Amino acid sequence: MRHPIYRVCSFQIVAPFTLRVAFDDGTEQVIDFRPVLAGELFGLLRDPSVFEQVSLDPEVHTLVWPNGADFDPATLHDWSEAVDALAERAREWESQTV
């Protein structure tokens, strides 16, 4: 079974913890990352000054942060389908650190 491979072409910060992400297939997603900002890696992004250091990796064509956090472009592309499972995982990460 083959699945599409997406690449992030650009992004724009549109609100706190929210990005408009454009993909190589011409689609865009407006993504509020707050539900998934938990755990050792993604929890650091709750600091607005860290979150806003997001950049586009030219080699793997996805969003990356200086602390090593990133998301698969396919997950970003299909965010509305993935966010609930990711948020559940983030809640598990939070409960493990308490």
Protein backbone atom coordinates (compact mmCIF):
# COMPACT_ATOMS: atom_id res chain seq x y z
CA MET A 1 0.00 0.00 0.00
CA ARG A 2 1.38 3.40 -0.97
CA HIS A 3 0.64 6.60 0.82
CA PRO A 4 1.35 10.14 -0.35
CA ILE A 5 4.53 11.83 0.77
CA TYR A 6 4.05 15.47 1.63
CA ARG A 7 6.54 18.27 2.01
CA VAL A 8 6.07 21.47 3.96
CA CYS A 9 6.76 24.41 1.64
CA SER A 10 6.23 27.31 4.04
CA PHE A 11 4.66 28.36 7.31
CA GLN A 12 3.47 31.47 9.07
CA ILE A 13 2.86 32.11 12.76
CA VAL A 14 -0.78 33.26 12.92
CA ALA A 15 -1.49 33.15 16.67
CA PRO A 16 0.17 31.89 19.84
CA PHE A 17 1.23 28.27 19.23
CA THR A 18 -0.62 28.30 15.90
CA LEU A 19 0.90 28.03 12.45
CA ARG A 20 -0.49 28.18 8.93
CA VAL A 21 1.40 25.43 7.10
CA ALA A 22 1.51 25.15 3.29
CA PHE A 23 2.25 21.85 1.55
CA ASP A 24 3.62 20.88 -1.84
CA ASP A 25 0.21 19.62 -2.97
CA GLY A 26 -1.22 23.15 -2.71
CA THR A 27 -3.13 22.58 0.53
CA GLU A 28 -2.78 24.43 3.82
CA GLN A 29 -3.53 23.62 7.43
CA VAL A 30 -3.93 26.04 10.32
CA ILE A 31 -2.56 24.07 13.25
CA ASP A 32 -2.97 24.90 16.93
CA PHE A 33 -0.20 22.89 18.57
CA ARG A 34 -1.28 23.50 22.20
CA PRO A 35 -3.01 20.11 22.65
CA VAL A 36 0.25 18.25 21.96
CA LEU A 37 2.80 20.42 23.77
CA ALA A 38 3.70 18.03 26.56
CA GLY A 39 6.44 15.67 27.56
CA GLU A 40 10.17 16.01 27.55
CA LEU A 41 10.53 17.09 23.91
CA PHE A 42 7.34 18.92 22.97
CA GLY A 43 6.69 20.36 26.44
CA LEU A 44 9.57 22.79 25.95
CA LEU A 45 7.61 24.36 23.10
CA ARG A 46 5.04 25.72 25.58
CA ASP A 47 7.48 28.59 26.06
CA PRO A 48 6.41 31.06 23.35
CA SER A 49 10.00 32.18 22.78
CA VAL A 50 10.98 28.56 22.04
CA PHE A 51 7.90 27.79 19.94
CA GLU A 52 8.53 30.84 17.76
CA GLN A 53 11.99 29.52 16.86
CA VAL A 54 10.29 27.08 14.47
CA SER A 55 11.96 26.75 11.10
CA LEU A 56 11.58 24.79 7.91
CA ASP A 57 14.20 22.09 7.48
CA PRO A 58 15.28 22.27 3.83
CA GLU A 59 16.41 18.66 3.75
CA VAL A 60 13.41 16.84 5.23
CA HIS A 61 10.82 19.53 4.38
CA THR A 62 9.12 19.72 7.73
CA LEU A 63 8.88 22.01 10.74
CA VAL A 64 11.69 21.75 13.27
CA TRP A 65 12.63 23.45 16.51
CA PRO A 66 16.11 24.01 17.96
CA ASN A 67 15.52 21.44 20.73
CA GLY A 68 15.07 18.66 18.13
CA ALA A 69 11.27 18.62 18.12
CA ASP A 70 9.66 18.00 14.75
CA PHE A 71 6.57 16.48 13.18
CA ASP A 72 6.23 14.18 10.20
CA PRO A 73 4.93 16.23 7.25
CA ALA A 74 2.15 13.67 6.70
CA THR A 75 0.98 14.19 10.29
CA LEU A 76 0.93 17.95 9.76
CA HIS A 77 -0.89 17.55 6.45
CA ASP A 78 -3.58 15.37 8.03
CA TRP A 79 -3.59 17.19 11.40
CA SER A 80 -7.35 17.07 11.89
CA GLU A 81 -7.22 13.27 11.68
CA ALA A 82 -4.15 12.96 13.94
CA VAL A 83 -4.62 15.59 16.63
CA ASP A 84 -6.87 13.57 18.97
CA ALA A 85 -4.45 10.63 19.12
CA LEU A 86 -1.50 12.98 19.54
CA ALA A 87 -3.27 14.89 22.32
CA GLU A 88 -4.01 11.61 24.10
CA ARG A 89 -0.35 10.66 23.86
CA ALA A 90 0.61 14.11 25.19
CA ARG A 91 -1.67 13.59 28.22
CA GLU A 92 0.08 10.27 28.85
CA TRP A 93 3.48 12.00 28.67
CA GLU A 94 2.30 14.63 31.16
CA SER A 95 1.01 12.05 33.61
CA GLN A 96 4.36 10.26 33.49
CA THR A 97 6.29 13.41 34.42
CA VAL A 98 4.12 14.31 37.40
